[in-house]
Amino acid sequence: MNILLCISYEGTPYHGFQVQSAVPTVQETIEQALKNIYAKRIHITGAARTDSGVHAERSYVNFFVDETKIPPRKLAYVLNTILPSTVLVLYSKQVPDGFHA
């Protein structure tokens, strides 16, 4: 199952979007929240990378899971209870397997 997340974030505490060693990033923050939900590492693919401190009002990521007990449209709500206030999932939904952010 391919799931799309539309996200917004305040980038001040992050060293950009993409995972880097030993510094906090938006991607790492979302992937950790997904790990808490699915009990395994989930890799997200972002539509773009950003530099340190950059904010985003609407950015897109997608990821694949084999199955989920949480309906894709409800995942945004669940993630928002786990994520810090600097990252917000605006909506989530299932997309075709061929979709790539």
PDB file of N, CA and C in Angstrom:
ATOM      1  N   MET A   1       0.847  -1.163   0.000  1.00  0.00           N
ATOM      2  CA  MET A   1       0.000   0.000   0.000  1.00  0.00           C
ATOM      3  C   MET A   1       0.899   1.235   0.000  1.00  0.00           C
ATOM      4  N   ASN A   2       0.623   2.154  -0.907  1.00  0.00           N
ATOM      5  CA  ASN A   2       1.385   3.388  -1.038  1.00  0.00           C
ATOM      6  C   ASN A   2       0.571   4.511  -0.394  1.00  0.00           C
ATOM      7  N   ILE A   3       1.168   5.215   0.551  1.00  0.00           N
ATOM      8  CA  ILE A   3       0.461   6.259   1.282  1.00  0.00           C
ATOM      9  C   ILE A   3       1.140   7.609   1.056  1.00  0.00           C
ATOM     10  N   LEU A   4       0.321   8.606   0.761  1.00  0.00           N
ATOM     11  CA  LEU A   4       0.772   9.981   0.560  1.00  0.00           C
ATOM     12  C   LEU A   4       0.466  10.798   1.807  1.00  0.00           C
ATOM     13  N   LEU A   5       1.439  11.597   2.234  1.00  0.00           N
ATOM     14  CA  LEU A   5       1.234  12.550   3.312  1.00  0.00           C
ATOM     15  C   LEU A   5       1.491  13.944   2.759  1.00  0.00           C
ATOM     16  N   CYS A   6       0.599  14.858   3.032  1.00  0.00           N
ATOM     17  CA  CYS A   6       0.830  16.268   2.744  1.00  0.00           C
ATOM     18  C   CYS A   6       1.242  16.882   4.074  1.00  0.00           C
ATOM     19  N   ILE A   7       2.427  17.470   4.116  1.00  0.00           N
ATOM     20  CA  ILE A   7       2.969  17.962   5.380  1.00  0.00           C
ATOM     21  C   ILE A   7       3.278  19.455   5.325  1.00  0.00           C
ATOM     22  N   SER A   8       3.336  20.029   6.495  1.00  0.00           N
ATOM     23  CA  SER A   8       3.745  21.405   6.696  1.00  0.00           C
ATOM     24  C   SER A   8       4.739  21.365   7.851  1.00  0.00           C
ATOM     25  N   TYR A   9       5.797  22.170   7.761  1.00  0.00           N
ATOM     26  CA  TYR A   9       6.728  22.181   8.884  1.00  0.00           C
ATOM     27  C   TYR A   9       7.422  23.523   9.050  1.00  0.00           C
ATOM     28  N   GLU A  10       7.765  23.787  10.295  1.00  0.00           N
ATOM     29  CA  GLU A  10       8.527  24.959  10.685  1.00  0.00           C
ATOM     30  C   GLU A  10       9.954  24.449  10.840  1.00  0.00           C
ATOM     31  N   GLY A  11      10.828  24.852   9.927  1.00  0.00           N
ATOM     32  CA  GLY A  11      12.137  24.221   9.818  1.00  0.00           C
ATOM     33  C   GLY A  11      13.235  24.712  10.729  1.00  0.00           C
ATOM     34  N   THR A  12      12.961  25.670  11.593  1.00  0.00           N
ATOM     35  CA  THR A  12      14.015  26.240  12.440  1.00  0.00           C
ATOM     36  C   THR A  12      14.830  25.187  13.198  1.00  0.00           C
ATOM     37  N   PRO A  13      14.197  24.183  13.830  1.00  0.00           N
ATOM     38  CA  PRO A  13      15.008  23.224  14.595  1.00  0.00           C
ATOM     39  C   PRO A  13      15.646  22.117  13.748  1.00  0.00           C
ATOM     40  N   TYR A  14      15.436  22.141  12.437  1.00  0.00           N
ATOM     41  CA  TYR A  14      15.905  21.040  11.596  1.00  0.00           C
ATOM     42  C   TYR A  14      17.040  21.478  10.671  1.00  0.00           C
ATOM     43  N   HIS A  15      17.876  20.512  10.350  1.00  0.00           N
ATOM     44  CA  HIS A  15      18.983  20.726   9.422  1.00  0.00           C
ATOM     45  C   HIS A  15      18.581  20.249   8.034  1.00  0.00           C
ATOM     46  N   GLY A  16      17.437  20.728   7.575  1.00  0.00           N
ATOM     47  CA  GLY A  16      16.925  20.368   6.259  1.00  0.00           C
ATOM     48  C   GLY A  16      15.955  19.209   6.322  1.00  0.00           C
ATOM     49  N   PHE A  17      15.503  18.791   5.148  1.00  0.00           N
ATOM     50  CA  PHE A  17      14.535  17.702   5.074  1.00  0.00           C
ATOM     51  C   PHE A  17      15.205  16.339   5.173  1.00  0.00           C
ATOM     52  N   GLN A  18      16.215  16.115   4.355  1.00  0.00           N
ATOM     53  CA  GLN A  18      16.808  14.783   4.200  1.00  0.00           C
ATOM     54  C   GLN A  18      17.631  14.350   5.406  1.00  0.00           C
ATOM     55  N   VAL A  19      17.521  13.058   5.735  1.00  0.00           N
ATOM     56  CA  VAL A  19      18.261  12.478   6.856  1.00  0.00           C
ATOM     57  C   VAL A  19      19.756  12.750   6.712  1.00  0.00           C
ATOM     58  N   GLN A  20      20.360  13.177   7.824  1.00  0.00           N
ATOM     59  CA  GLN A  20      21.801  13.391   7.920  1.00  0.00           C
ATOM     60  C   GLN A  20      22.260  12.780   9.240  1.00  0.00           C
ATOM     61  N   SER A  21      23.526  12.493   9.328  1.00  0.00           N
ATOM     62  CA  SER A  21      24.005  11.872  10.568  1.00  0.00           C
ATOM     63  C   SER A  21      24.157  12.916  11.677  1.00  0.00           C
ATOM     64  N   ALA A  22      23.665  12.561  12.843  1.00  0.00           N
ATOM     65  CA  ALA A  22      23.867  13.303  14.090  1.00  0.00           C
ATOM     66  C   ALA A  22      23.207  14.679  14.176  1.00  0.00           C
ATOM     67  N   VAL A  23      22.283  15.006  13.267  1.00  0.00           N
ATOM     68  CA  VAL A  23      21.536  16.267  13.362  1.00  0.00           C
ATOM     69  C   VAL A  23      20.066  15.988  13.055  1.00  0.00           C
ATOM     70  N   PRO A  24      19.153  16.718  13.694  1.00  0.00           N
ATOM     71  CA  PRO A  24      17.725  16.470  13.454  1.00  0.00           C
ATOM     72  C   PRO A  24      17.265  16.965  12.080  1.00  0.00           C
ATOM     73  N   THR A  25      16.439  16.154  11.418  1.00  0.00           N
ATOM     74  CA  THR A  25      15.880  16.517  10.115  1.00  0.00           C
ATOM     75  C   THR A  25      14.381  16.205  10.106  1.00  0.00           C
ATOM     76  N   VAL A  26      13.688  16.789   9.160  1.00  0.00           N
ATOM     77  CA  VAL A  26      12.254  16.555   9.025  1.00  0.00           C
ATOM     78  C   VAL A  26      11.994  15.093   8.669  1.00  0.00           C
ATOM     79  N   GLN A  27      12.734  14.555   7.710  1.00  0.00           N
ATOM     80  CA  GLN A  27      12.548  13.167   7.292  1.00  0.00           C
ATOM     81  C   GLN A  27      12.734  12.215   8.471  1.00  0.00           C
ATOM     82  N   GLU A  28      13.783  12.409   9.225  1.00  0.00           N
ATOM     83  CA  GLU A  28      14.059  11.544  10.374  1.00  0.00           C
ATOM     84  C   GLU A  28      12.922  11.626  11.401  1.00  0.00           C
ATOM     85  N   THR A  29      12.396  12.818  11.620  1.00  0.00           N
ATOM     86  CA  THR A  29      11.321  13.016  12.585  1.00  0.00           C
ATOM     87  C   THR A  29      10.060  12.264  12.172  1.00  0.00           C
ATOM     88  N   ILE A  30       9.710  12.348  10.897  1.00  0.00           N
ATOM     89  CA  ILE A  30       8.519  11.644  10.396  1.00  0.00           C
ATOM     90  C   ILE A  30       8.753  10.136  10.410  1.00  0.00           C
ATOM     91  N   GLU A  31       9.926   9.705   9.977  1.00  0.00           N
ATOM     92  CA  GLU A  31      10.216   8.270   9.957  1.00  0.00           C
ATOM     93  C   GLU A  31      10.189   7.676  11.370  1.00  0.00           C
ATOM     94  N   GLN A  32      10.638   8.424  12.361  1.00  0.00           N
ATOM     95  CA  GLN A  32      10.586   7.928  13.740  1.00  0.00           C
ATOM     96  C   GLN A  32       9.136   7.791  14.206  1.00  0.00           C
ATOM     97  N   ALA A  33       8.287   8.745  13.850  1.00  0.00           N
ATOM     98  CA  ALA A  33       6.866   8.657  14.212  1.00  0.00           C
ATOM     99  C   ALA A  33       6.222   7.446  13.537  1.00  0.00           C
ATOM    100  N   LEU A  34       6.558   7.196  12.283  1.00  0.00           N
ATOM    101  CA  LEU A  34       6.018   6.029  11.576  1.00  0.00           C
ATOM    102  C   LEU A  34       6.525   4.735  12.209  1.00  0.00           C
ATOM    103  N   LYS A  35       7.774   4.724  12.656  1.00  0.00           N
ATOM    104  CA  LYS A  35       8.314   3.540  13.331  1.00  0.00           C
ATOM    105  C   LYS A  35       7.533   3.256  14.609  1.00  0.00           C
ATOM    106  N   ASN A  36       7.131   4.297  15.314  1.00  0.00           N
ATOM    107  CA  ASN A  36       6.326   4.124  16.523  1.00  0.00           C
ATOM    108  C   ASN A  36       4.973   3.495  16.199  1.00  0.00           C
ATOM    109  N   ILE A  37       4.418   3.815  15.051  1.00  0.00           N
ATOM    110  CA  ILE A  37       3.114   3.279  14.647  1.00  0.00           C
ATOM    111  C   ILE A  37       3.227   1.856  14.114  1.00  0.00           C
ATOM    112  N   TYR A  38       4.171   1.627  13.202  1.00  0.00           N
ATOM    113  CA  TYR A  38       4.258   0.347  12.500  1.00  0.00           C
ATOM    114  C   TYR A  38       5.243  -0.647  13.120  1.00  0.00           C
ATOM    115  N   ALA A  39       5.986  -0.221  14.138  1.00  0.00           N
ATOM    116  CA  ALA A  39       6.962  -1.081  14.825  1.00  0.00           C
ATOM    117  C   ALA A  39       8.033  -1.618  13.893  1.00  0.00           C
ATOM    118  N   LYS A  40       8.347  -0.845  12.864  1.00  0.00           N
ATOM    119  CA  LYS A  40       9.472  -1.165  11.982  1.00  0.00           C
ATOM    120  C   LYS A  40       9.868   0.108  11.248  1.00  0.00           C
ATOM    121  N   ARG A  41      11.070   0.089  10.696  1.00  0.00           N
ATOM    122  CA  ARG A  41      11.562   1.263   9.983  1.00  0.00           C
ATOM    123  C   ARG A  41      10.774   1.447   8.686  1.00  0.00           C
ATOM    124  N   ILE A  42      10.299   2.650   8.478  1.00  0.00           N
ATOM    125  CA  ILE A  42       9.587   3.025   7.257  1.00  0.00           C
ATOM    126  C   ILE A  42      10.390   4.140   6.598  1.00  0.00           C
ATOM    127  N   HIS A  43      10.740   3.963   5.331  1.00  0.00           N
ATOM    128  CA  HIS A  43      11.474   4.992   4.592  1.00  0.00           C
ATOM    129  C   HIS A  43      10.474   5.842   3.821  1.00  0.00           C
ATOM    130  N   ILE A  44      10.533   7.157   4.000  1.00  0.00           N
ATOM    131  CA  ILE A  44       9.670   8.045   3.225  1.00  0.00           C
ATOM    132  C   ILE A  44      10.468   8.665   2.090  1.00  0.00           C
ATOM    133  N   THR A  45       9.768   8.960   1.003  1.00  0.00           N
ATOM    134  CA  THR A  45      10.348   9.650  -0.137  1.00  0.00           C
ATOM    135  C   THR A  45       9.714  11.025  -0.215  1.00  0.00           C
ATOM    136  N   GLY A  46      10.533  12.054  -0.191  1.00  0.00           N
ATOM    137  CA  GLY A  46      10.030  13.427  -0.241  1.00  0.00           C
ATOM    138  C   GLY A  46      10.031  13.981  -1.653  1.00  0.00           C
ATOM    139  N   ALA A  47       9.150  14.958  -1.880  1.00  0.00           N
ATOM    140  CA  ALA A  47       9.062  15.606  -3.186  1.00  0.00           C
ATOM    141  C   ALA A  47      10.248  16.535  -3.420  1.00  0.00           C
ATOM    142  N   ALA A  48      10.868  17.006  -2.348  1.00  0.00           N
ATOM    143  CA  ALA A  48      11.993  17.936  -2.484  1.00  0.00           C
ATOM    144  C   ALA A  48      12.836  17.898  -1.225  1.00  0.00           C
ATOM    145  N   ARG A  49      14.032  18.425  -1.338  1.00  0.00           N
ATOM    146  CA  ARG A  49      14.887  18.577  -0.166  1.00  0.00           C
ATOM    147  C   ARG A  49      14.936  20.055   0.171  1.00  0.00           C
ATOM    148  N   THR A  50      15.168  20.359   1.440  1.00  0.00           N
ATOM    149  CA  THR A  50      15.307  21.749   1.845  1.00  0.00           C
ATOM    150  C   THR A  50      16.585  21.913   2.646  1.00  0.00           C
ATOM    151  N   ASP A  51      17.022  23.137   2.735  1.00  0.00           N
ATOM    152  CA  ASP A  51      18.207  23.467   3.522  1.00  0.00           C
ATOM    153  C   ASP A  51      17.841  23.638   4.988  1.00  0.00           C
ATOM    154  N   SER A  52      18.835  23.808   5.792  1.00  0.00           N
ATOM    155  CA  SER A  52      18.654  24.019   7.225  1.00  0.00           C
ATOM    156  C   SER A  52      17.773  25.239   7.480  1.00  0.00           C
ATOM    157  N   GLY A  53      16.782  25.076   8.377  1.00  0.00           N
ATOM    158  CA  GLY A  53      15.933  26.178   8.782  1.00  0.00           C
ATOM    159  C   GLY A  53      14.800  26.555   7.848  1.00  0.00           C
ATOM    160  N   VAL A  54      14.685  25.879   6.722  1.00  0.00           N
ATOM    161  CA  VAL A  54      13.646  26.211   5.738  1.00  0.00           C
ATOM    162  C   VAL A  54      12.291  25.674   6.187  1.00  0.00           C
ATOM    163  N   HIS A  55      11.238  26.463   5.985  1.00  0.00           N
ATOM    164  CA  HIS A  55       9.879  26.075   6.326  1.00  0.00           C
ATOM    165  C   HIS A  55       9.150  25.593   5.072  1.00  0.00           C
ATOM    166  N   ALA A  56       8.085  24.824   5.277  1.00  0.00           N
ATOM    167  CA  ALA A  56       7.245  24.386   4.156  1.00  0.00           C
ATOM    168  C   ALA A  56       5.784  24.462   4.574  1.00  0.00           C
ATOM    169  N   GLU A  57       4.967  25.053   3.714  1.00  0.00           N
ATOM    170  CA  GLU A  57       3.530  25.110   3.977  1.00  0.00           C
ATOM    171  C   GLU A  57       2.814  23.887   3.431  1.00  0.00           C
ATOM    172  N   ARG A  58       3.324  23.338   2.357  1.00  0.00           N
ATOM    173  CA  ARG A  58       2.708  22.189   1.713  1.00  0.00           C
ATOM    174  C   ARG A  58       3.796  21.421   0.972  1.00  0.00           C
ATOM    175  N   SER A  59       4.152  20.287   1.527  1.00  0.00           N
ATOM    176  CA  SER A  59       5.144  19.428   0.897  1.00  0.00           C
ATOM    177  C   SER A  59       4.580  18.008   0.916  1.00  0.00           C
ATOM    178  N   TYR A  60       5.099  17.162   0.052  1.00  0.00           N
ATOM    179  CA  TYR A  60       4.519  15.829  -0.087  1.00  0.00           C
ATOM    180  C   TYR A  60       5.574  14.753   0.090  1.00  0.00           C
ATOM    181  N   VAL A  61       5.173  13.692   0.770  1.00  0.00           N
ATOM    182  CA  VAL A  61       6.014  12.507   0.928  1.00  0.00           C
ATOM    183  C   VAL A  61       5.137  11.279   0.717  1.00  0.00           C
ATOM    184  N   ASN A  62       5.760  10.198   0.319  1.00  0.00           N
ATOM    185  CA  ASN A  62       5.016   8.942   0.242  1.00  0.00           C
ATOM    186  C   ASN A  62       5.873   7.815   0.802  1.00  0.00           C
ATOM    187  N   PHE A  63       5.195   6.735   1.150  1.00  0.00           N
ATOM    188  CA  PHE A  63       5.879   5.562   1.673  1.00  0.00           C
ATOM    189  C   PHE A  63       4.997   4.338   1.446  1.00  0.00           C
ATOM    190  N   PHE A  64       5.611   3.182   1.531  1.00  0.00           N
ATOM    191  CA  PHE A  64       4.911   1.918   1.335  1.00  0.00           C
ATOM    192  C   PHE A  64       4.839   1.137   2.642  1.00  0.00           C
ATOM    193  N   VAL A  65       3.704   0.517   2.888  1.00  0.00           N
ATOM    194  CA  VAL A  65       3.526  -0.431   3.989  1.00  0.00           C
ATOM    195  C   VAL A  65       2.788  -1.641   3.445  1.00  0.00           C
ATOM    196  N   ASP A  66       3.074  -2.797   4.032  1.00  0.00           N
ATOM    197  CA  ASP A  66       2.414  -4.020   3.585  1.00  0.00           C
ATOM    198  C   ASP A  66       0.936  -4.009   3.956  1.00  0.00           C
ATOM    199  N   GLU A  67       0.665  -3.625   5.178  1.00  0.00           N
ATOM    200  CA  GLU A  67      -0.718  -3.550   5.653  1.00  0.00           C
ATOM    201  C   GLU A  67      -0.760  -2.580   6.812  1.00  0.00           C
ATOM    202  N   THR A  68      -1.935  -2.093   7.088  1.00  0.00           N
ATOM    203  CA  THR A  68      -2.079  -1.171   8.200  1.00  0.00           C
ATOM    204  C   THR A  68      -3.461  -1.314   8.814  1.00  0.00           C
ATOM    205  N   LYS A  69      -3.503  -1.254  10.130  1.00  0.00           N
ATOM    206  CA  LYS A  69      -4.782  -1.296  10.832  1.00  0.00           C
ATOM    207  C   LYS A  69      -5.418   0.090  10.865  1.00  0.00           C
ATOM    208  N   ILE A  70      -4.605   1.098  10.574  1.00  0.00           N
ATOM    209  CA  ILE A  70      -5.102   2.474  10.543  1.00  0.00           C
ATOM    210  C   ILE A  70      -5.483   2.811   9.103  1.00  0.00           C
ATOM    211  N   PRO A  71      -6.722   3.189   8.855  1.00  0.00           N
ATOM    212  CA  PRO A  71      -7.093   3.593   7.490  1.00  0.00           C
ATOM    213  C   PRO A  71      -6.205   4.755   7.033  1.00  0.00           C
ATOM    214  N   PRO A  72      -5.744   4.726   5.784  1.00  0.00           N
ATOM    215  CA  PRO A  72      -4.841   5.782   5.304  1.00  0.00           C
ATOM    216  C   PRO A  72      -5.342   7.202   5.566  1.00  0.00           C
ATOM    217  N   ARG A  73      -6.630   7.450   5.437  1.00  0.00           N
ATOM    218  CA  ARG A  73      -7.163   8.803   5.660  1.00  0.00           C
ATOM    219  C   ARG A  73      -7.130   9.228   7.126  1.00  0.00           C
ATOM    220  N   LYS A  74      -6.994   8.276   8.041  1.00  0.00           N
ATOM    221  CA  LYS A  74      -6.933   8.589   9.475  1.00  0.00           C
ATOM    222  C   LYS A  74      -5.495   8.706   9.979  1.00  0.00           C
ATOM    223  N   LEU A  75      -4.543   8.317   9.140  1.00  0.00           N
ATOM    224  CA  LEU A  75      -3.144   8.320   9.551  1.00  0.00           C
ATOM    225  C   LEU A  75      -2.657   9.722   9.918  1.00  0.00           C
ATOM    226  N   ALA A  76      -3.123  10.750   9.226  1.00  0.00           N
ATOM    227  CA  ALA A  76      -2.709  12.121   9.541  1.00  0.00           C
ATOM    228  C   ALA A  76      -3.027  12.442  10.994  1.00  0.00           C
ATOM    229  N   TYR A  77      -4.217  12.100  11.428  1.00  0.00           N
ATOM    230  CA  TYR A  77      -4.625  12.366  12.810  1.00  0.00           C
ATOM    231  C   TYR A  77      -3.689  11.644  13.792  1.00  0.00           C
ATOM    232  N   VAL A  78      -3.418  10.383  13.535  1.00  0.00           N
ATOM    233  CA  VAL A  78      -2.564   9.596  14.432  1.00  0.00           C
ATOM    234  C   VAL A  78      -1.147  10.172  14.466  1.00  0.00           C
ATOM    235  N   LEU A  79      -0.602  10.482  13.308  1.00  0.00           N
ATOM    236  CA  LEU A  79       0.751  11.046  13.266  1.00  0.00           C
ATOM    237  C   LEU A  79       0.830  12.377  14.016  1.00  0.00           C
ATOM    238  N   ASN A  80      -0.190  13.190  13.883  1.00  0.00           N
ATOM    239  CA  ASN A  80      -0.170  14.499  14.542  1.00  0.00           C
ATOM    240  C   ASN A  80      -0.201  14.391  16.063  1.00  0.00           C
ATOM    241  N   THR A  81      -0.620  13.254  16.592  1.00  0.00           N
ATOM    242  CA  THR A  81      -0.569  13.061  18.045  1.00  0.00           C
ATOM    243  C   THR A  81       0.832  12.660  18.504  1.00  0.00           C
ATOM    244  N   ILE A  82       1.669  12.213  17.566  1.00  0.00           N
ATOM    245  CA  ILE A  82       3.025  11.751  17.881  1.00  0.00           C
ATOM    246  C   ILE A  82       4.079  12.795  17.523  1.00  0.00           C
ATOM    247  N   LEU A  83       3.902  13.457  16.391  1.00  0.00           N
ATOM    248  CA  LEU A  83       4.902  14.404  15.889  1.00  0.00           C
ATOM    249  C   LEU A  83       5.013  15.643  16.775  1.00  0.00           C
ATOM    250  N   PRO A  84       6.199  16.262  16.777  1.00  0.00           N
ATOM    251  CA  PRO A  84       6.335  17.531  17.513  1.00  0.00           C
ATOM    252  C   PRO A  84       5.511  18.620  16.823  1.00  0.00           C
ATOM    253  N   SER A  85       5.271  19.703  17.518  1.00  0.00           N
ATOM    254  CA  SER A  85       4.435  20.783  16.969  1.00  0.00           C
ATOM    255  C   SER A  85       5.044  21.465  15.746  1.00  0.00           C
ATOM    256  N   THR A  86       6.306  21.204  15.466  1.00  0.00           N
ATOM    257  CA  THR A  86       6.966  21.803  14.301  1.00  0.00           C
ATOM    258  C   THR A  86       6.657  21.082  13.002  1.00  0.00           C
ATOM    259  N   VAL A  87       6.034  19.912  13.080  1.00  0.00           N
ATOM    260  CA  VAL A  87       5.668  19.142  11.885  1.00  0.00           C
ATOM    261  C   VAL A  87       4.186  18.803  11.981  1.00  0.00           C
ATOM    262  N   LEU A  88       3.450  19.100  10.911  1.00  0.00           N
ATOM    263  CA  LEU A  88       2.014  18.846  10.871  1.00  0.00           C
ATOM    264  C   LEU A  88       1.670  18.088   9.596  1.00  0.00           C
ATOM    265  N   VAL A  89       0.893  17.017   9.724  1.00  0.00           N
ATOM    266  CA  VAL A  89       0.397  16.293   8.554  1.00  0.00           C
ATOM    267  C   VAL A  89      -0.979  16.882   8.235  1.00  0.00           C
ATOM    268  N   LEU A  90      -1.091  17.522   7.080  1.00  0.00           N
ATOM    269  CA  LEU A  90      -2.335  18.174   6.685  1.00  0.00           C
ATOM    270  C   LEU A  90      -3.385  17.151   6.266  1.00  0.00           C
ATOM    271  N   TYR A  91      -2.946  16.129   5.523  1.00  0.00           N
ATOM    272  CA  TYR A  91      -3.838  15.023   5.176  1.00  0.00           C
ATOM    273  C   TYR A  91      -3.019  13.824   4.740  1.00  0.00           C
ATOM    274  N   SER A  92      -3.665  12.682   4.738  1.00  0.00           N
ATOM    275  CA  SER A  92      -3.039  11.426   4.314  1.00  0.00           C
ATOM    276  C   SER A  92      -4.052  10.658   3.486  1.00  0.00           C
ATOM    277  N   LYS A  93      -3.559   9.902   2.511  1.00  0.00           N
ATOM    278  CA  LYS A  93      -4.454   9.081   1.700  1.00  0.00           C
ATOM    279  C   LYS A  93      -3.663   8.022   0.951  1.00  0.00           C
ATOM    280  N   GLN A  94      -4.358   6.984   0.556  1.00  0.00           N
ATOM    281  CA  GLN A  94      -3.750   5.936  -0.266  1.00  0.00           C
ATOM    282  C   GLN A  94      -3.673   6.446  -1.696  1.00  0.00           C
ATOM    283  N   VAL A  95      -2.570   6.143  -2.359  1.00  0.00           N
ATOM    284  CA  VAL A  95      -2.363   6.528  -3.758  1.00  0.00           C
ATOM    285  C   VAL A  95      -1.956   5.281  -4.540  1.00  0.00           C
ATOM    286  N   PRO A  96      -2.033   5.319  -5.873  1.00  0.00           N
ATOM    287  CA  PRO A  96      -1.622   4.151  -6.670  1.00  0.00           C
ATOM    288  C   PRO A  96      -0.165   3.769  -6.399  1.00  0.00           C
ATOM    289  N   ASP A  97       0.147   2.510  -6.527  1.00  0.00           N
ATOM    290  CA  ASP A  97       1.501   2.017  -6.268  1.00  0.00           C
ATOM    291  C   ASP A  97       2.559   2.730  -7.101  1.00  0.00           C
ATOM    292  N   GLY A  98       2.205   3.190  -8.294  1.00  0.00           N
ATOM    293  CA  GLY A  98       3.168   3.872  -9.162  1.00  0.00           C
ATOM    294  C   GLY A  98       3.423   5.326  -8.796  1.00  0.00           C
ATOM    295  N   PHE A  99       2.680   5.853  -7.832  1.00  0.00           N
ATOM    296  CA  PHE A  99       2.872   7.253  -7.437  1.00  0.00           C
ATOM    297  C   PHE A  99       4.202   7.412  -6.730  1.00  0.00           C
ATOM    298  N   HIS A 100       4.904   8.502  -7.042  1.00  0.00           N
ATOM    299  CA  HIS A 100       6.195   8.819  -6.423  1.00  0.00           C
ATOM    300  C   HIS A 100       6.222  10.309  -6.139  1.00  0.00           C
ATOM    301  N   ALA A 101       6.408  10.664  -4.876  1.00  0.00           N
ATOM    302  CA  ALA A 101       6.431  12.077  -4.507  1.00  0.00           C
ATOM    303  C   ALA A 101       7.545  12.821  -5.224  1.00  0.00           C
TER     304      ALA A 101
END
